[in-house]
Amino acid sequence: MDLTRLVLKNLLKHPLRSVLTAGSLVIALFLLCTLRSLVTTLDAGAKAARSDRLWVQSAVSLFVDMPQAYVPKIEAVDGVVEACRWQWFGGYYQDRANFFGQFAVDGAELFEMYPEIEVVAGTQEDFLAQRTACMVGGGLARQFGWKVGQQVPIIGALFPHPDGADVAWDFELAAIYEPTARNFDDRTLFFHWDYFEETLEGSDMEGVGVGAIVIETAPDANQTRVMREVDALFANGPQRVQTTTEAEFQAQFVSMFGNIPFFVSAIGGGVLVAILFACVNTMLMAAREQTHDIGILKALGFTDGKTGRVLLAQSMCLCCLGGGGGVLLALALEDGVAKIMGAQFPGYEIEPSTLVQALVVTLAIGVVAGAFPAWSANRLRVVDALRGRD
């Protein structure tokens, strides 16, 4: 007898139960892939960080500005090649729900320090030449349907326009970029520091400080010494600073979300344990219902091992069907999840290691769920099985 046909026939005896069990596995493995990918996405920023970039921020908080006079002093430190000012703008496009990152930056320094910025529409020269120009990531351009040359009005929440809180800052989209590394997301708008500063002249916010200063160091520079010297420059104020590597700076944002790895592991682990119990219960019911069939197979000459493998194969088939469906669903919805979670988890993607982990979990559930019924079938005597006793 063809064991494959036998396994399929047994599974189709109760199609609803099989479909529900496989469906629960689809959901469980989809959640496992998605939750695990959130963690790997957060870690990817730190892992892909450049070793020749340092970040300077206020020692009090990232949300406390530093005086602009700090920039030339930092550039004078031995080992520092150049510095780039960054200021979080905190505005929104059309509606407050349209949240994404906007930064006033030194444009020329940004391109020099971030080779992972690849302009795919418009040109770098156009962005640098126009005072009111802005550059956006491809993710934003796709979301809002922006094209090079159009006006992008942003309402300043943290920095209202001097002409009125409801007056938008008008930017002309001069370039669209795609990042070539996962430490740089595709959902950010950059505009010129000079335009930012000049617009605020004469207003209550004139003389705004710098939120963060990015430093590029020389290839032979001692990073620890540079960080120590920069911190020492402003140890006595007016605003103490904290200099960190780019990897450490990225890790700060991970810590803002709390202990995500533990949280995700707890949720994923709980879901998998619940699904494991469901699969074990399904296979135990299947084994009980097939007791008479097992007796007939043994009476026809099937060995104990072969009858046990029938039940184990049923479990593996059911779990692989559901687990494989969950992995495929996670891959199919990858772009959709990336759009939804892009603001909080820029660069979201499912890594191959996550897929391998999901498939290993699927196989493990199949083996565990089918092991006990298979063991029981091995021990079952023909007489007891034909009598319908287990």
Protein backbone atom coordinates (compact mmCIF):
# COMPACT_ATOMS: atom_id res chain seq x y z
CA MET A 1 0.00 0.00 0.00
CA ASP A 2 1.22 3.48 -0.81
CA LEU A 3 1.88 5.14 2.56
CA THR A 4 1.55 8.59 1.03
CA ARG A 5 -2.01 7.87 -0.08
CA LEU A 6 -2.76 6.40 3.33
CA VAL A 7 -1.48 9.49 5.12
CA LEU A 8 -3.49 11.83 2.91
CA LYS A 9 -6.62 9.71 3.26
CA ASN A 10 -6.34 9.79 7.05
CA LEU A 11 -5.89 13.56 7.06
CA LEU A 12 -8.93 14.04 4.83
CA LYS A 13 -11.18 11.94 7.08
CA HIS A 14 -11.78 15.10 9.11
CA PRO A 15 -11.05 17.93 6.66
CA LEU A 16 -12.37 20.71 8.92
CA ARG A 17 -10.15 19.65 11.79
CA SER A 18 -7.14 19.40 9.51
CA VAL A 19 -7.84 22.81 7.98
CA LEU A 20 -8.28 24.47 11.38
CA THR A 21 -5.07 22.94 12.72
CA ALA A 22 -3.10 23.93 9.64
CA GLY A 23 -4.68 27.41 9.78
CA SER A 24 -3.57 27.88 13.38
CA LEU A 25 -0.04 26.98 12.31
CA VAL A 26 -0.21 29.50 9.47
CA ILE A 27 -1.05 32.27 11.95
CA ALA A 28 1.57 31.13 14.46
CA LEU A 29 4.41 30.98 11.95
CA PHE A 30 3.34 34.27 10.37
CA LEU A 31 3.53 35.92 13.81
CA LEU A 32 6.87 34.27 14.51
CA CYS A 33 8.40 35.57 11.27
CA THR A 34 6.93 39.06 11.71
CA LEU A 35 7.82 39.52 15.38
CA ARG A 36 11.31 38.11 14.90
CA SER A 37 11.83 40.44 11.93
CA LEU A 38 10.97 43.47 14.07
CA VAL A 39 13.84 42.56 16.39
CA THR A 40 16.32 41.88 13.58
CA THR A 41 15.32 45.17 11.93
CA LEU A 42 16.13 47.10 15.09
CA ASP A 43 19.44 45.27 15.47
CA ALA A 44 20.34 45.77 11.81
CA GLY A 45 20.79 49.52 12.26
CA ALA A 46 23.44 49.01 14.90
CA LYS A 47 25.16 46.17 13.03
CA ALA A 48 25.36 48.16 9.78
CA ALA A 49 26.64 51.33 11.47
CA ARG A 50 29.83 52.86 10.09
CA SER A 51 32.88 52.83 12.30
CA ASP A 52 34.13 56.22 11.04
CA ARG A 53 31.04 58.16 12.18
CA LEU A 54 30.44 59.48 15.67
CA TRP A 55 27.34 61.16 17.06
CA VAL A 56 27.42 64.08 19.48
CA GLN A 57 24.33 64.91 21.51
CA SER A 58 23.47 66.70 24.74
CA ALA A 59 24.45 64.71 27.81
CA VAL A 60 21.06 65.60 29.28
CA SER A 61 18.85 64.25 26.52
CA LEU A 62 18.68 63.84 22.78
CA PHE A 63 15.85 66.35 22.84
CA VAL A 64 18.00 69.13 24.35
CA ASP A 65 19.75 71.29 21.75
CA MET A 66 23.43 72.23 21.74
CA PRO A 67 24.80 75.67 20.79
CA GLN A 68 25.81 75.98 17.14
CA ALA A 69 29.16 77.36 18.27
CA TYR A 70 30.08 73.79 19.19
CA VAL A 71 30.41 72.75 15.54
CA PRO A 72 33.67 74.60 14.61
CA LYS A 73 35.23 73.60 17.94
CA ILE A 74 34.46 69.95 17.26
CA GLU A 75 35.87 70.20 13.72
CA ALA A 76 39.13 71.51 15.20
CA VAL A 77 39.68 68.30 17.21
CA ASP A 78 42.54 66.20 15.86
CA GLY A 79 41.17 63.26 13.88
CA VAL A 80 37.88 64.92 12.92
CA VAL A 81 37.44 65.33 9.15
CA GLU A 82 34.13 67.22 9.15
CA ALA A 83 30.88 67.64 11.05
CA CYS A 84 27.25 67.75 9.94
CA ARG A 85 24.42 69.43 11.84
CA TRP A 86 21.13 67.56 12.28
CA GLN A 87 17.93 69.02 13.69
CA TRP A 88 14.68 67.10 14.08
CA PHE A 89 11.93 69.21 12.48
CA GLY A 90 8.89 67.37 13.78
CA GLY A 91 6.37 68.51 11.16
CA TYR A 92 3.64 66.72 9.24
CA TYR A 93 2.32 66.53 5.69
CA GLN A 94 -1.36 67.54 5.27
CA ASP A 95 -2.50 65.58 8.33
CA ARG A 96 -0.95 64.92 11.74
CA ALA A 97 -1.33 61.21 11.08
CA ASN A 98 1.30 61.51 8.32
CA PHE A 99 4.23 61.05 10.66
CA PHE A 100 7.74 60.61 9.31
CA GLY A 101 11.23 61.93 9.98
CA GLN A 102 12.28 65.36 8.74
CA PHE A 103 15.72 66.80 9.38
CA ALA A 104 17.44 70.09 8.68
CA VAL A 105 21.01 69.17 7.72
CA ASP A 106 24.17 70.46 6.10
CA GLY A 107 23.49 69.04 2.64
CA ALA A 108 27.01 68.81 1.21
CA GLU A 109 28.37 67.18 4.38
CA LEU A 110 25.46 64.75 4.45
CA PHE A 111 26.36 63.33 1.03
CA GLU A 112 30.06 63.16 1.85
CA MET A 113 29.50 61.35 5.13
CA TYR A 114 26.74 59.00 3.96
CA PRO A 115 27.78 57.13 0.80
CA GLU A 116 24.82 54.80 1.44
CA ILE A 117 22.52 57.53 0.09
CA GLU A 118 21.92 56.71 -3.58
CA VAL A 119 19.95 59.32 -5.53
CA VAL A 120 17.60 57.52 -7.93
CA ALA A 121 15.49 60.44 -9.18
CA GLY A 122 16.54 64.04 -9.60
CA THR A 123 20.16 64.86 -8.85
CA GLN A 124 22.37 65.59 -5.91
CA GLU A 125 23.44 68.82 -7.59
CA ASP A 126 19.84 70.06 -7.86
CA PHE A 127 19.29 69.43 -4.18
CA LEU A 128 22.45 71.29 -3.18
CA ALA A 129 21.82 74.20 -5.54
CA GLN A 130 18.27 75.08 -4.46
CA ARG A 131 17.77 76.90 -1.17
CA THR A 132 14.27 75.48 -0.57
CA ALA A 133 15.00 72.02 -1.98
CA CYS A 134 14.32 68.83 -0.13
CA MET A 135 15.30 65.19 -0.64
CA VAL A 136 13.08 62.29 0.39
CA GLY A 137 13.43 58.54 0.64
CA GLY A 138 11.82 56.27 -1.90
CA GLY A 139 9.43 54.89 0.70
CA LEU A 140 7.92 58.32 1.30
CA ALA A 141 7.77 59.11 -2.40
CA ARG A 142 5.86 55.91 -3.08
CA GLN A 143 3.50 56.41 -0.15
CA PHE A 144 2.44 59.93 -1.10
CA GLY A 145 2.98 59.71 -4.85
CA TRP A 146 5.59 62.47 -4.85
CA LYS A 147 7.55 63.26 -8.00
CA VAL A 148 10.69 65.30 -8.53
CA GLY A 149 9.85 68.96 -9.13
CA GLN A 150 6.63 69.16 -7.13
CA GLN A 151 6.04 71.25 -4.00
CA VAL A 152 5.97 69.47 -0.64
CA PRO A 153 4.30 71.60 2.06
CA ILE A 154 5.18 70.61 5.64
CA ILE A 155 3.42 72.11 8.66
CA GLY A 156 6.00 72.72 11.37
CA ALA A 157 4.83 71.36 14.72
CA LEU A 158 8.04 71.94 16.68
CA PHE A 159 9.13 74.85 14.50
CA PRO A 160 6.04 76.76 13.29
CA HIS A 161 6.53 79.04 10.31
CA PRO A 162 7.11 82.65 11.40
CA ASP A 163 4.13 83.74 9.26
CA GLY A 164 1.73 81.63 11.30
CA ALA A 165 1.31 78.22 12.90
CA ASP A 166 -0.92 77.05 10.03
CA VAL A 167 1.46 78.28 7.33
CA ALA A 168 3.40 75.46 5.69
CA TRP A 169 7.11 75.38 5.01
CA ASP A 170 7.28 74.95 1.25
CA PHE A 171 9.93 72.61 -0.11
CA GLU A 172 10.63 71.70 -3.72
CA LEU A 173 11.35 68.02 -4.18
CA ALA A 174 14.74 67.94 -5.92
CA ALA A 175 15.90 64.37 -5.30
CA ILE A 176 14.65 60.95 -4.24
CA TYR A 177 17.08 58.51 -2.67
CA GLU A 178 17.23 54.81 -1.90
CA PRO A 179 19.51 53.60 0.91
CA THR A 180 22.09 50.95 0.12
CA ALA A 181 22.42 49.88 3.77
CA ARG A 182 19.86 49.04 6.46
CA ASN A 183 21.24 51.61 8.91
CA PHE A 184 19.61 54.31 6.79
CA ASP A 185 15.86 54.28 6.20
CA ASP A 186 13.89 55.32 3.13
CA ARG A 187 11.20 57.31 4.92
CA THR A 188 13.01 60.55 5.78
CA LEU A 189 12.88 64.08 4.37
CA PHE A 190 16.06 66.20 4.39
CA PHE A 191 16.25 69.93 3.76
CA HIS A 192 18.91 72.60 4.06
CA TRP A 193 20.07 73.94 7.39
CA ASP A 194 20.60 77.41 5.91
CA TYR A 195 16.97 77.63 4.78
CA PHE A 196 15.84 76.42 8.20
CA GLU A 197 17.96 78.97 10.04
CA GLU A 198 17.21 81.91 7.73
CA THR A 199 13.45 81.32 7.87
CA LEU A 200 13.49 81.52 11.65
CA GLU A 201 15.45 84.79 11.73
CA GLY A 202 13.53 87.53 13.47
CA SER A 203 11.11 85.06 15.08
CA ASP A 204 10.89 83.87 18.66
CA MET A 205 12.88 80.78 17.65
CA GLU A 206 15.82 82.65 16.14
CA GLY A 207 19.19 81.18 17.07
CA VAL A 208 17.92 77.62 17.37
CA GLY A 209 20.50 75.10 18.52
CA VAL A 210 21.65 71.79 17.06
CA GLY A 211 19.92 68.56 17.97
CA ALA A 212 22.82 66.30 16.99
CA ILE A 213 26.22 66.66 15.34
CA VAL A 214 27.56 63.82 13.23
CA ILE A 215 31.34 63.58 13.01
CA GLU A 216 33.36 61.85 10.33
CA THR A 217 36.75 60.74 11.59
CA ALA A 218 39.96 60.08 9.70
CA PRO A 219 40.73 56.43 8.85
CA ASP A 220 43.66 56.34 11.27
CA ALA A 221 41.92 58.28 14.05
CA ASN A 222 41.58 56.79 17.51
CA GLN A 223 37.81 56.80 18.08
CA THR A 224 38.07 56.58 21.85
CA ARG A 225 40.44 59.54 22.03
CA VAL A 226 38.26 61.65 19.72
CA MET A 227 35.16 60.95 21.79
CA ARG A 228 37.00 61.75 25.00
CA GLU A 229 38.37 65.03 23.66
CA VAL A 230 35.03 66.19 22.29
CA ASP A 231 33.31 65.47 25.60
CA ALA A 232 36.10 67.27 27.48
CA LEU A 233 35.71 70.40 25.33
CA PHE A 234 32.32 71.12 26.83
CA ALA A 235 32.64 69.52 30.25
CA ASN A 236 32.05 72.90 31.88
CA GLY A 237 29.10 73.91 29.71
CA PRO A 238 27.12 75.69 28.69
CA GLN A 239 25.78 72.31 27.55
CA ARG A 240 27.66 69.11 28.32
CA VAL A 241 27.76 66.61 25.49
CA GLN A 242 27.92 62.87 25.07
CA THR A 243 29.81 61.43 22.09
CA THR A 244 29.11 57.87 21.01
CA THR A 245 29.78 55.59 18.08
CA GLU A 246 27.04 55.33 15.49
CA ALA A 247 26.29 51.77 16.63
CA GLU A 248 25.77 52.96 20.22
CA PHE A 249 23.61 55.84 19.03
CA GLN A 250 21.42 53.46 17.03
CA ALA A 251 21.16 51.19 20.07
CA GLN A 252 19.63 54.07 22.04
CA PHE A 253 16.56 53.96 19.81
CA VAL A 254 16.23 50.22 20.37
CA SER A 255 16.28 50.81 24.12
CA MET A 256 13.47 53.39 23.77
CA PHE A 257 11.15 50.54 22.81
CA GLY A 258 11.97 48.72 26.05
CA ASN A 259 13.03 45.08 26.20
CA ILE A 260 11.59 44.20 22.83
CA PRO A 261 13.51 40.91 22.38
CA PHE A 262 12.06 39.54 25.65
CA PHE A 263 8.59 40.89 24.85
CA VAL A 264 8.61 39.36 21.38
CA SER A 265 10.06 36.08 22.62
CA ALA A 266 7.37 35.83 25.30
CA ILE A 267 4.56 36.43 22.81
CA GLY A 268 6.05 34.16 20.15
CA GLY A 269 6.88 31.46 22.67
CA GLY A 270 3.37 31.53 24.14
CA VAL A 271 1.78 31.27 20.71
CA LEU A 272 4.01 28.37 19.69
CA VAL A 273 3.37 26.44 22.91
CA ALA A 274 -0.38 26.87 22.46
CA ILE A 275 -0.17 25.70 18.85
CA LEU A 276 2.01 22.75 19.87
CA PHE A 277 -0.64 21.62 22.34
CA ALA A 278 -3.30 21.99 19.64
CA CYS A 279 -1.27 19.86 17.22
CA VAL A 280 -0.59 17.21 19.85
CA ASN A 281 -4.29 17.09 20.69
CA THR A 282 -5.17 16.75 17.01
CA MET A 283 -2.76 13.87 16.53
CA LEU A 284 -3.91 12.10 19.71
CA MET A 285 -7.51 12.26 18.49
CA ALA A 286 -6.40 11.00 15.09
CA ALA A 287 -4.49 8.11 16.68
CA ARG A 288 -7.48 7.12 18.81
CA GLU A 289 -9.81 7.18 15.80
CA GLN A 290 -7.35 5.11 13.75
CA THR A 291 -6.81 2.41 16.39
CA HIS A 292 -8.83 -0.16 14.43
CA ASP A 293 -7.04 0.78 11.21
CA ILE A 294 -3.68 0.35 12.93
CA GLY A 295 -4.72 -3.15 14.03
CA ILE A 296 -5.65 -4.05 10.46
CA LEU A 297 -2.32 -2.75 9.15
CA LYS A 298 -0.40 -4.79 11.70
CA ALA A 299 -2.49 -7.87 10.91
CA LEU A 300 -1.58 -7.41 7.24
CA GLY A 301 2.10 -7.48 8.12
CA PHE A 302 2.98 -3.86 8.75
CA THR A 303 5.74 -3.59 11.33
CA ASP A 304 5.37 -1.54 14.51
CA GLY A 305 7.81 1.00 13.15
CA LYS A 306 5.94 1.43 9.88
CA THR A 307 2.57 1.96 11.55
CA GLY A 308 4.16 4.52 13.86
CA ARG A 309 5.68 6.30 10.89
CA VAL A 310 2.22 6.66 9.36
CA LEU A 311 1.08 8.78 12.31
CA LEU A 312 4.36 10.67 12.40
CA ALA A 313 4.05 11.38 8.67
CA GLN A 314 0.52 12.70 9.22
CA SER A 315 1.81 15.11 11.85
CA MET A 316 4.73 16.24 9.68
CA CYS A 317 2.50 16.72 6.63
CA LEU A 318 -0.02 18.78 8.59
CA CYS A 319 2.62 20.93 10.28
CA CYS A 320 4.68 21.50 7.13
CA LEU A 321 1.54 22.54 5.28
CA GLY A 322 0.57 25.04 7.99
CA GLY A 323 4.10 26.22 8.77
CA GLY A 324 5.00 26.62 5.12
CA GLY A 325 1.81 28.59 4.59
CA GLY A 326 2.72 30.89 7.49
CA VAL A 327 6.18 31.56 6.05
CA LEU A 328 4.74 32.26 2.60
CA LEU A 329 2.13 34.58 4.12
CA ALA A 330 4.86 36.50 5.98
CA LEU A 331 6.82 36.91 2.75
CA ALA A 332 3.73 37.96 0.80
CA LEU A 333 2.86 40.64 3.37
CA GLU A 334 6.44 41.82 3.90
CA ASP A 335 6.01 45.00 1.85
CA GLY A 336 2.69 45.78 3.50
CA VAL A 337 4.10 45.38 7.00
CA ALA A 338 7.09 47.52 6.01
CA LYS A 339 4.74 50.34 4.94
CA ILE A 340 2.67 50.13 8.12
CA MET A 341 5.64 49.85 10.50
CA GLY A 342 8.06 51.94 8.46
CA ALA A 343 8.04 54.94 10.81
CA GLN A 344 8.85 52.83 13.88
CA PHE A 345 10.90 50.09 12.20
CA PRO A 346 12.62 51.57 9.14
CA GLY A 347 14.24 49.03 6.86
CA TYR A 348 11.90 46.20 7.89
CA GLU A 349 12.59 42.96 6.06
CA ILE A 350 12.49 39.25 6.76
CA GLU A 351 16.02 37.87 6.92
CA PRO A 352 16.90 34.39 5.62
CA SER A 353 17.89 33.35 9.16
CA THR A 354 14.33 34.10 10.31
CA LEU A 355 12.90 31.89 7.57
CA VAL A 356 15.27 29.08 8.50
CA GLN A 357 14.29 29.44 12.16
CA ALA A 358 10.60 29.30 11.24
CA LEU A 359 11.08 26.14 9.17
CA VAL A 360 13.07 24.48 11.96
CA VAL A 361 10.28 25.32 14.44
CA THR A 362 7.73 23.88 12.01
CA LEU A 363 9.61 20.60 11.74
CA ALA A 364 10.11 20.46 15.51
CA ILE A 365 6.39 20.91 16.13
CA GLY A 366 5.64 18.17 13.60
CA VAL A 367 8.03 15.74 15.26
CA VAL A 368 6.87 16.48 18.81
CA ALA A 369 3.17 16.38 17.91
CA GLY A 370 3.54 13.06 16.13
CA ALA A 371 6.06 11.36 18.42
CA PHE A 372 3.72 10.27 21.23
CA PRO A 373 0.93 8.96 18.96
CA ALA A 374 3.57 7.10 16.93
CA TRP A 375 5.07 5.61 20.10
CA SER A 376 1.60 4.53 21.27
CA ALA A 377 0.94 2.91 17.89
CA ASN A 378 4.22 0.97 18.16
CA ARG A 379 3.19 -0.49 21.51
CA LEU A 380 -0.37 -1.32 20.48
CA ARG A 381 -1.09 -5.05 20.17
CA VAL A 382 -3.05 -6.31 17.20
CA VAL A 383 -5.77 -7.89 19.35
CA ASP A 384 -6.30 -4.71 21.36
CA ALA A 385 -6.31 -2.58 18.23
CA LEU A 386 -8.91 -4.75 16.51
CA ARG A 387 -11.05 -4.59 19.62
CA GLY A 388 -10.79 -0.79 19.44
CA ARG A 389 -8.81 -0.50 22.69
CA ASP A 390 -5.69 1.68 23.04
